[in-house]
Amino acid sequence: MSNAEFVHAIAKHQSAWLIVDDEMQSNSNMKALAKHAAATHEYFRCMVVGEIDEKAWPANTIFLSSDALSTAVIDRLRNESHVLRISISRNRHMRRLQSR
């Protein structure tokens, strides 16, 4: 899938996550894709497992150590997704009220 196709596919969903593991974290194309998607879509989030250089990723990126258990990663993803859904719902409600 090309970068443009990936960014376009994000628009079809309410929110989207990019999970990056140890193997892909040094890939400069992956970092550029994450930055582009974050700049284009308000509700795009990125989770990086094991990264040390936080400046290379978008502002809202969540970082977990490479020692984190898979259950911790899943729990954090579940919690962050719930918070994101609440935020989306509030923003939509505020926009509806403002357009009245």
N, C-alpha and C. Protein backbone atom coordinates (compact mmCIF):
# COMPACT_ATOMS: atom_id res chain seq x y z
N MET A 1 0.85 -1.16 0.00
CA MET A 1 0.00 0.00 0.00
C MET A 1 0.90 1.23 0.00
N SER A 2 0.60 2.17 -0.85
CA SER A 2 1.40 3.39 -0.91
C SER A 2 1.04 4.32 0.24
N ASN A 3 1.89 5.32 0.47
CA ASN A 3 1.61 6.30 1.53
C ASN A 3 0.30 7.03 1.28
N ALA A 4 0.06 7.42 0.04
CA ALA A 4 -1.17 8.13 -0.29
C ALA A 4 -2.40 7.26 -0.05
N GLU A 5 -2.31 5.99 -0.39
CA GLU A 5 -3.43 5.07 -0.16
C GLU A 5 -3.68 4.89 1.34
N PHE A 6 -2.60 4.81 2.11
CA PHE A 6 -2.73 4.66 3.56
C PHE A 6 -3.42 5.88 4.17
N VAL A 7 -2.96 7.06 3.82
CA VAL A 7 -3.55 8.29 4.36
C VAL A 7 -5.00 8.43 3.92
N HIS A 8 -5.30 8.06 2.69
CA HIS A 8 -6.68 8.12 2.20
C HIS A 8 -7.56 7.12 2.95
N ALA A 9 -7.03 5.95 3.26
CA ALA A 9 -7.80 4.93 3.98
C ALA A 9 -8.13 5.38 5.40
N ILE A 10 -7.27 6.18 6.01
CA ILE A 10 -7.53 6.69 7.36
C ILE A 10 -8.81 7.52 7.37
N ALA A 11 -9.03 8.29 6.32
CA ALA A 11 -10.20 9.17 6.26
C ALA A 11 -11.51 8.40 6.28
N LYS A 12 -11.48 7.12 5.96
CA LYS A 12 -12.70 6.31 5.94
C LYS A 12 -13.11 5.85 7.33
N HIS A 13 -12.26 6.09 8.33
CA HIS A 13 -12.52 5.60 9.68
C HIS A 13 -12.62 6.75 10.66
N GLN A 14 -13.30 6.48 11.76
CA GLN A 14 -13.45 7.50 12.79
C GLN A 14 -12.10 7.82 13.42
N SER A 15 -11.33 6.80 13.70
CA SER A 15 -9.98 6.99 14.22
C SER A 15 -9.09 5.88 13.66
N ALA A 16 -7.80 6.09 13.72
CA ALA A 16 -6.87 5.09 13.18
C ALA A 16 -5.60 5.09 14.01
N TRP A 17 -5.02 3.91 14.13
CA TRP A 17 -3.78 3.72 14.87
C TRP A 17 -2.72 3.11 13.97
N LEU A 18 -1.50 3.52 14.16
CA LEU A 18 -0.35 2.89 13.53
C LEU A 18 0.52 2.35 14.66
N ILE A 19 0.67 1.04 14.73
CA ILE A 19 1.48 0.40 15.75
C ILE A 19 2.83 0.05 15.13
N VAL A 20 3.90 0.57 15.70
CA VAL A 20 5.24 0.37 15.15
C VAL A 20 6.06 -0.45 16.15
N ASP A 21 6.65 -1.53 15.67
CA ASP A 21 7.45 -2.38 16.54
C ASP A 21 8.95 -2.10 16.37
N ASP A 22 9.77 -2.86 17.06
CA ASP A 22 11.22 -2.66 17.02
C ASP A 22 11.80 -2.72 15.61
N GLU A 23 11.30 -3.62 14.79
CA GLU A 23 11.84 -3.78 13.44
C GLU A 23 11.59 -2.56 12.56
N MET A 24 10.42 -1.96 12.69
CA MET A 24 10.03 -0.87 11.79
C MET A 24 10.35 0.52 12.32
N GLN A 25 10.74 0.64 13.58
CA GLN A 25 10.92 1.96 14.17
C GLN A 25 12.06 2.77 13.55
N SER A 26 13.04 2.11 12.97
CA SER A 26 14.15 2.84 12.35
C SER A 26 13.89 3.17 10.88
N ASN A 27 12.77 2.75 10.36
CA ASN A 27 12.42 2.99 8.97
C ASN A 27 12.00 4.45 8.79
N SER A 28 12.76 5.22 8.05
CA SER A 28 12.47 6.65 7.87
C SER A 28 11.17 6.86 7.11
N ASN A 29 10.82 5.95 6.21
CA ASN A 29 9.55 6.06 5.49
C ASN A 29 8.37 5.91 6.44
N MET A 30 8.50 5.04 7.44
CA MET A 30 7.45 4.84 8.43
C MET A 30 7.25 6.11 9.26
N LYS A 31 8.35 6.74 9.63
CA LYS A 31 8.28 7.99 10.41
C LYS A 31 7.64 9.10 9.58
N ALA A 32 8.01 9.19 8.32
CA ALA A 32 7.43 10.21 7.44
C ALA A 32 5.94 9.96 7.23
N LEU A 33 5.57 8.70 7.08
CA LEU A 33 4.16 8.34 6.92
C LEU A 33 3.36 8.72 8.16
N ALA A 34 3.90 8.42 9.33
CA ALA A 34 3.21 8.75 10.58
C ALA A 34 3.04 10.26 10.73
N LYS A 35 4.07 11.02 10.41
CA LYS A 35 3.99 12.48 10.51
C LYS A 35 2.96 13.04 9.53
N HIS A 36 2.96 12.52 8.31
CA HIS A 36 2.01 12.99 7.30
C HIS A 36 0.57 12.65 7.70
N ALA A 37 0.35 11.43 8.18
CA ALA A 37 -0.99 11.02 8.59
C ALA A 37 -1.47 11.83 9.79
N ALA A 38 -0.58 12.11 10.74
CA ALA A 38 -0.95 12.90 11.92
C ALA A 38 -1.28 14.34 11.54
N ALA A 39 -0.56 14.88 10.57
CA ALA A 39 -0.83 16.25 10.12
C ALA A 39 -2.12 16.34 9.32
N THR A 40 -2.47 15.27 8.63
CA THR A 40 -3.64 15.26 7.77
C THR A 40 -4.93 14.92 8.51
N HIS A 41 -4.84 14.04 9.50
CA HIS A 41 -6.04 13.56 10.19
C HIS A 41 -5.94 13.80 11.69
N GLU A 42 -6.93 14.51 12.21
CA GLU A 42 -6.95 14.89 13.62
C GLU A 42 -6.96 13.68 14.56
N TYR A 43 -7.63 12.60 14.15
CA TYR A 43 -7.80 11.46 15.04
C TYR A 43 -6.91 10.27 14.67
N PHE A 44 -5.79 10.54 14.06
CA PHE A 44 -4.78 9.51 13.81
C PHE A 44 -3.83 9.49 14.99
N ARG A 45 -3.50 8.30 15.46
CA ARG A 45 -2.55 8.16 16.55
C ARG A 45 -1.52 7.10 16.20
N CYS A 46 -0.37 7.23 16.79
CA CYS A 46 0.73 6.31 16.54
C CYS A 46 1.23 5.78 17.88
N MET A 47 1.49 4.48 17.94
CA MET A 47 2.07 3.87 19.14
C MET A 47 3.37 3.19 18.72
N VAL A 48 4.45 3.55 19.39
CA VAL A 48 5.77 3.00 19.06
C VAL A 48 6.27 2.20 20.26
N VAL A 49 6.63 0.96 20.00
CA VAL A 49 7.15 0.09 21.06
C VAL A 49 8.66 0.02 20.92
N GLY A 50 9.36 0.56 21.91
CA GLY A 50 10.81 0.45 21.97
C GLY A 50 11.61 1.62 21.43
N GLU A 51 10.99 2.69 21.01
CA GLU A 51 11.72 3.82 20.42
C GLU A 51 12.35 4.70 21.51
N ILE A 52 13.54 5.19 21.23
CA ILE A 52 14.22 6.09 22.16
C ILE A 52 14.08 7.53 21.70
N ASP A 53 14.18 7.78 20.41
CA ASP A 53 14.15 9.13 19.85
C ASP A 53 12.71 9.58 19.62
N GLU A 54 12.12 10.21 20.62
CA GLU A 54 10.72 10.62 20.53
C GLU A 54 10.50 11.78 19.57
N LYS A 55 11.53 12.57 19.30
CA LYS A 55 11.38 13.73 18.43
C LYS A 55 11.11 13.34 16.98
N ALA A 56 11.44 12.12 16.63
CA ALA A 56 11.29 11.67 15.24
C ALA A 56 9.85 11.30 14.89
N TRP A 57 8.96 11.27 15.89
CA TRP A 57 7.57 10.84 15.67
C TRP A 57 6.60 11.99 15.90
N PRO A 58 5.35 11.87 15.44
CA PRO A 58 4.36 12.95 15.63
C PRO A 58 4.12 13.25 17.11
N ALA A 59 3.56 14.42 17.38
CA ALA A 59 3.39 14.92 18.75
C ALA A 59 2.56 14.01 19.65
N ASN A 60 1.49 13.42 19.16
CA ASN A 60 0.60 12.62 20.00
C ASN A 60 1.00 11.14 20.07
N THR A 61 2.20 10.83 19.68
CA THR A 61 2.65 9.44 19.68
C THR A 61 2.80 8.91 21.11
N ILE A 62 2.39 7.67 21.31
CA ILE A 62 2.53 7.00 22.60
C ILE A 62 3.73 6.07 22.50
N PHE A 63 4.59 6.14 23.49
CA PHE A 63 5.80 5.32 23.49
C PHE A 63 5.74 4.31 24.62
N LEU A 64 6.05 3.07 24.31
CA LEU A 64 6.14 2.01 25.31
C LEU A 64 7.51 1.36 25.18
N SER A 65 8.04 0.90 26.29
CA SER A 65 9.36 0.26 26.24
C SER A 65 9.26 -1.08 25.52
N SER A 66 10.37 -1.52 24.99
CA SER A 66 10.38 -2.80 24.28
C SER A 66 10.20 -3.97 25.25
N ASP A 67 10.33 -3.69 26.54
CA ASP A 67 10.11 -4.73 27.55
C ASP A 67 8.65 -4.86 27.95
N ALA A 68 7.80 -3.98 27.44
CA ALA A 68 6.38 -4.02 27.82
C ALA A 68 5.75 -5.33 27.36
N LEU A 69 4.96 -5.91 28.21
CA LEU A 69 4.26 -7.14 27.86
C LEU A 69 3.20 -6.85 26.82
N SER A 70 2.88 -7.82 26.02
CA SER A 70 1.87 -7.62 24.98
C SER A 70 0.53 -7.23 25.60
N THR A 71 0.22 -7.75 26.79
CA THR A 71 -1.05 -7.37 27.43
C THR A 71 -1.03 -5.90 27.83
N ALA A 72 0.13 -5.38 28.24
CA ALA A 72 0.23 -3.96 28.58
C ALA A 72 0.02 -3.10 27.34
N VAL A 73 0.57 -3.53 26.22
CA VAL A 73 0.39 -2.79 24.97
C VAL A 73 -1.08 -2.79 24.57
N ILE A 74 -1.72 -3.93 24.66
CA ILE A 74 -3.13 -4.04 24.30
C ILE A 74 -4.00 -3.22 25.24
N ASP A 75 -3.72 -3.28 26.54
CA ASP A 75 -4.49 -2.48 27.51
C ASP A 75 -4.33 -1.00 27.26
N ARG A 76 -3.12 -0.56 26.99
CA ARG A 76 -2.88 0.86 26.73
C ARG A 76 -3.60 1.29 25.45
N LEU A 77 -3.55 0.46 24.44
CA LEU A 77 -4.24 0.75 23.18
C LEU A 77 -5.75 0.84 23.40
N ARG A 78 -6.29 -0.08 24.18
CA ARG A 78 -7.72 -0.07 24.48
C ARG A 78 -8.12 1.20 25.23
N ASN A 79 -7.35 1.57 26.24
CA ASN A 79 -7.64 2.78 27.02
C ASN A 79 -7.54 4.04 26.17
N GLU A 80 -6.48 4.14 25.39
CA GLU A 80 -6.30 5.32 24.54
C GLU A 80 -7.39 5.40 23.47
N SER A 81 -7.81 4.27 22.94
CA SER A 81 -8.89 4.26 21.94
C SER A 81 -10.19 4.74 22.56
N HIS A 82 -10.44 4.35 23.80
CA HIS A 82 -11.65 4.79 24.49
C HIS A 82 -11.62 6.31 24.70
N VAL A 83 -10.50 6.83 25.13
CA VAL A 83 -10.36 8.27 25.31
C VAL A 83 -10.54 8.99 23.98
N LEU A 84 -10.00 8.44 22.92
CA LEU A 84 -10.12 9.04 21.59
C LEU A 84 -11.58 9.06 21.14
N ARG A 85 -12.32 7.96 21.38
CA ARG A 85 -13.74 7.92 21.01
C ARG A 85 -14.54 8.98 21.77
N ILE A 86 -14.24 9.16 23.05
CA ILE A 86 -14.93 10.18 23.85
C ILE A 86 -14.63 11.56 23.28
N SER A 87 -13.38 11.81 22.95
CA SER A 87 -12.99 13.10 22.39
C SER A 87 -13.69 13.36 21.06
N ILE A 88 -13.76 12.37 20.21
CA ILE A 88 -14.43 12.51 18.92
C ILE A 88 -15.90 12.83 19.14
N SER A 89 -16.53 12.12 20.06
CA SER A 89 -17.95 12.34 20.35
C SER A 89 -18.19 13.76 20.86
N ARG A 90 -17.35 14.22 21.76
CA ARG A 90 -17.50 15.59 22.30
C ARG A 90 -17.31 16.63 21.21
N ASN A 91 -16.30 16.44 20.38
CA ASN A 91 -16.06 17.40 19.29
C ASN A 91 -17.22 17.45 18.32
N ARG A 92 -17.77 16.31 17.98
CA ARG A 92 -18.93 16.29 17.08
C ARG A 92 -20.12 16.99 17.71
N HIS A 93 -20.33 16.74 18.99
CA HIS A 93 -21.45 17.38 19.70
C HIS A 93 -21.26 18.90 19.72
N MET A 94 -20.05 19.36 20.01
CA MET A 94 -19.78 20.80 20.02
C MET A 94 -19.97 21.42 18.64
N ARG A 95 -19.56 20.72 17.61
CA ARG A 95 -19.73 21.24 16.25
C ARG A 95 -21.21 21.33 15.88
N ARG A 96 -21.99 20.33 16.32
CA ARG A 96 -23.44 20.39 16.08
C ARG A 96 -24.06 21.58 16.78
N LEU A 97 -23.66 21.82 18.03
CA LEU A 97 -24.20 22.95 18.78
C LEU A 97 -23.79 24.28 18.15
N GLN A 98 -22.57 24.37 17.66
CA GLN A 98 -22.09 25.61 17.05
C GLN A 98 -22.76 25.88 15.72
N SER A 99 -23.19 24.85 15.03
CA SER A 99 -23.81 25.06 13.72
C SER A 99 -25.29 25.40 13.82
N ARG A 100 -25.84 25.36 15.01
CA ARG A 100 -27.26 25.72 15.19
C ARG A 100 -27.47 27.20 15.15
